[in-house]
Amino acid sequence: MPKTTIRAGSNIAFIKYWGVNDAAINLPQTDSISMTLADAYTTTTVEWQASGTSANHPDKDSIIIDGRELAGEAGARLVRHLDRIRTIAGTQQRARVASQNNFPMASGIASSASGFAALTVAACQALSLDLTAAQLSALARLGSGSASRSIFGGYVQWDRGVDHESSVARKHYRNKKKENRNE
């Protein structure tokens, strides 16, 4: 059964996106810039299973976060994200997801950003989906807007875009052009 483990860093926004233009696809009102944290991260393992192979819930996804089974609306939100990935892959396989944060959830360190980024990349890699970084960013954004930025390390810019394909994050590189101090 295909299985992949991914670690994604959380991020802190320096320039926030100040609201959403389209809630259905988490399209922000403005661009944003953040820094991905190397020492505050989520590690997620996704294992895809043929339908009917899980002993406890043969036709359901199993989602364990920080050692506890996730249920209710929070669990449904992750299942909806897995459904998006299933649609792209053209599969009905159920997933077993185990996710662990190395920092407290709801502590102000965007655990949903690192969580959805790790879930997106792990689930796609386990299904051998060949997606670009921009496509992974757009897909992660559907789960949590800030997750689009946690696909990348370092300084990241999330372009608000005008549709699903153009609202993606990208690594932000500073201009390293040296000044000529003799002029």
Protein backbone atom coordinates (compact mmCIF):
# COMPACT_ATOMS: atom_id res chain seq x y z
CA MET A 1 0.00 0.00 0.00
CA PRO A 2 1.45 3.39 -0.99
CA LYS A 3 2.76 5.29 2.04
CA THR A 4 4.71 8.57 2.37
CA THR A 5 5.86 10.72 5.29
CA ILE A 6 6.40 14.48 4.87
CA ARG A 7 7.42 17.25 7.24
CA ALA A 8 6.20 20.82 6.57
CA GLY A 9 7.06 23.92 8.54
CA SER A 10 4.51 26.32 9.89
CA ASN A 11 4.78 29.94 8.81
CA ILE A 12 4.47 33.39 10.27
CA ALA A 13 3.02 36.08 7.99
CA PHE A 14 4.82 39.42 7.92
CA ILE A 15 2.35 40.85 5.43
CA LYS A 16 -1.06 39.24 5.95
CA TYR A 17 -3.61 38.61 3.24
CA TRP A 18 -6.42 40.53 5.00
CA GLY A 19 -9.50 38.56 4.07
CA VAL A 20 -10.84 36.28 1.39
CA ASN A 21 -12.32 37.20 -2.00
CA ASP A 22 -13.65 33.72 -2.76
CA ALA A 23 -14.21 31.43 0.24
CA ALA A 24 -14.89 28.37 -1.94
CA ILE A 25 -11.23 28.34 -3.09
CA ASN A 26 -9.61 30.45 -0.34
CA LEU A 27 -8.75 33.22 -2.78
CA PRO A 28 -7.23 36.05 -0.69
CA GLN A 29 -7.85 39.77 -1.10
CA THR A 30 -4.15 40.65 -1.19
CA ASP A 31 -0.73 39.09 -1.62
CA SER A 32 1.11 38.05 1.54
CA ILE A 33 4.67 37.36 2.61
CA SER A 34 5.71 34.93 5.32
CA MET A 35 8.64 33.06 6.77
CA THR A 36 8.47 29.30 7.12
CA LEU A 37 9.68 28.13 10.51
CA ALA A 38 12.27 25.35 10.46
CA ASP A 39 11.72 24.37 14.09
CA ALA A 40 7.90 24.45 14.24
CA TYR A 41 6.60 21.73 11.94
CA THR A 42 4.08 19.00 11.31
CA THR A 43 5.10 15.48 10.31
CA THR A 44 2.38 13.60 8.43
CA THR A 45 2.25 10.04 7.12
CA VAL A 46 -0.39 9.08 4.57
CA GLU A 47 -1.00 5.46 3.67
CA TRP A 48 -3.55 4.73 0.96
CA GLN A 49 -5.52 1.51 1.28
CA ALA A 50 -7.86 -0.35 -0.99
CA SER A 51 -11.48 0.08 0.09
CA GLY A 52 -12.50 -2.42 2.72
CA THR A 53 -8.99 -3.09 4.10
CA SER A 54 -9.22 -1.09 7.32
CA ALA A 55 -10.25 -3.34 10.21
CA ASN A 56 -12.03 -0.61 12.22
CA HIS A 57 -13.65 1.45 9.46
CA PRO A 58 -13.53 -0.35 6.11
CA ASP A 59 -14.98 2.52 4.06
CA LYS A 60 -13.70 5.56 6.00
CA ASP A 61 -10.48 7.46 6.25
CA SER A 62 -8.61 7.14 9.54
CA ILE A 63 -7.16 10.44 10.78
CA ILE A 64 -5.00 10.59 13.90
CA ILE A 65 -3.55 13.96 14.95
CA ASP A 66 -1.22 14.21 17.92
CA GLY A 67 -2.26 10.72 19.00
CA ARG A 68 -6.03 11.33 18.91
CA GLU A 69 -8.58 10.32 16.33
CA LEU A 70 -10.01 13.40 14.65
CA ALA A 71 -13.78 13.50 14.28
CA GLY A 72 -16.53 16.04 13.78
CA GLU A 73 -16.10 19.09 11.54
CA ALA A 74 -12.31 19.10 11.88
CA GLY A 75 -12.21 15.50 10.64
CA ALA A 76 -14.69 16.28 7.87
CA ARG A 77 -12.49 19.17 6.70
CA LEU A 78 -9.53 16.79 6.25
CA VAL A 79 -11.70 14.18 4.53
CA ARG A 80 -12.89 16.86 2.06
CA HIS A 81 -9.24 17.61 1.31
CA LEU A 82 -8.49 13.91 0.82
CA ASP A 83 -11.53 13.77 -1.50
CA ARG A 84 -9.96 16.51 -3.66
CA ILE A 85 -6.78 14.47 -3.93
CA ARG A 86 -8.76 11.28 -4.68
CA THR A 87 -10.52 13.13 -7.51
CA ILE A 88 -7.20 14.26 -9.03
CA ALA A 89 -5.79 10.72 -8.74
CA GLY A 90 -8.97 9.03 -9.98
CA THR A 91 -9.09 6.67 -7.01
CA GLN A 92 -11.53 5.68 -4.29
CA GLN A 93 -8.85 4.40 -1.91
CA ARG A 94 -9.22 5.29 1.74
CA ALA A 95 -6.36 6.89 3.64
CA ARG A 96 -4.80 6.29 6.99
CA VAL A 97 -3.34 9.61 8.14
CA ALA A 98 -1.09 10.05 11.17
CA SER A 99 0.02 13.59 11.89
CA GLN A 100 2.12 15.01 14.71
CA ASN A 101 2.92 18.65 15.50
CA ASN A 102 6.10 19.44 17.42
CA PHE A 103 4.37 22.53 18.83
CA PRO A 104 0.96 22.98 20.51
CA MET A 105 -2.07 23.29 18.26
CA ALA A 106 -4.00 26.57 18.67
CA SER A 107 -0.88 28.29 19.99
CA GLY A 108 -0.85 30.96 17.28
CA ILE A 109 1.74 29.13 15.16
CA ALA A 110 -0.52 28.17 12.21
CA SER A 111 -0.72 24.42 12.72
CA SER A 112 -3.37 24.21 9.97
CA ALA A 113 -0.84 25.67 7.50
CA SER A 114 1.86 23.10 8.21
CA GLY A 115 -0.75 20.36 8.62
CA PHE A 116 -2.48 20.87 5.28
CA ALA A 117 0.85 21.38 3.48
CA ALA A 118 2.23 18.11 4.88
CA LEU A 119 -1.06 16.28 4.19
CA THR A 120 -1.20 17.55 0.61
CA VAL A 121 2.37 16.60 -0.29
CA ALA A 122 2.31 13.24 1.52
CA ALA A 123 -1.03 12.19 0.02
CA CYS A 124 -0.01 13.22 -3.51
CA GLN A 125 3.41 11.57 -3.31
CA ALA A 126 1.94 8.35 -1.92
CA LEU A 127 -0.36 8.22 -4.96
CA SER A 128 2.57 9.05 -7.30
CA LEU A 129 0.88 12.23 -8.52
CA ASP A 130 3.34 14.34 -10.49
CA LEU A 131 2.37 17.85 -9.40
CA THR A 132 4.53 20.96 -9.60
CA ALA A 133 5.26 23.04 -6.51
CA ALA A 134 2.74 25.63 -7.77
CA GLN A 135 0.06 22.95 -8.16
CA LEU A 136 0.78 21.61 -4.66
CA SER A 137 0.58 25.16 -3.32
CA ALA A 138 -2.81 25.74 -4.96
CA LEU A 139 -4.11 22.39 -3.72
CA ALA A 140 -2.88 22.97 -0.15
CA ARG A 141 -4.56 26.42 -0.21
CA LEU A 142 -7.94 24.72 -0.63
CA GLY A 143 -7.50 23.09 2.78
CA SER A 144 -6.04 26.14 4.53
CA GLY A 145 -5.09 29.39 2.83
CA SER A 146 -1.76 29.75 4.63
CA ALA A 147 -0.86 26.15 3.75
CA SER A 148 -0.03 27.40 0.26
CA ARG A 149 3.00 29.13 1.83
CA SER A 150 4.10 26.15 3.96
CA ILE A 151 4.87 24.15 0.82
CA PHE A 152 8.11 26.16 0.67
CA GLY A 153 10.86 26.91 3.15
CA GLY A 154 12.36 30.28 3.96
CA TYR A 155 10.67 33.50 2.85
CA VAL A 156 7.56 32.93 0.76
CA GLN A 157 5.19 35.15 -1.21
CA TRP A 158 1.60 34.08 -1.79
CA ASP A 159 0.25 35.79 -4.90
CA ARG A 160 -3.47 36.43 -4.48
CA GLY A 161 -4.15 35.59 -8.11
CA VAL A 162 -7.50 35.74 -9.84
CA ASP A 163 -8.41 32.03 -9.92
CA HIS A 164 -7.38 28.65 -8.52
CA GLU A 165 -4.36 28.25 -10.79
CA SER A 166 -2.89 31.72 -10.22
CA SER A 167 -3.37 31.99 -6.44
CA VAL A 168 -0.16 30.21 -5.46
CA ALA A 169 2.83 30.75 -3.25
CA ARG A 170 6.42 30.85 -4.38
CA LYS A 171 9.79 31.05 -2.74
CA HIS A 172 10.75 34.70 -2.28
CA TYR A 173 14.31 35.54 -3.21
CA ARG A 174 15.90 38.77 -2.10
CA ASN A 175 17.70 40.82 -4.70
CA LYS A 176 21.31 39.80 -4.20
CA LYS A 177 22.72 42.33 -6.67
CA LYS A 178 25.71 43.98 -5.04
CA GLU A 179 25.92 47.73 -4.99
CA ASN A 180 29.01 49.36 -6.39
CA ARG A 181 30.15 51.41 -3.42
CA ASN A 182 32.72 53.34 -5.49
CA GLU A 183 30.11 55.32 -7.42
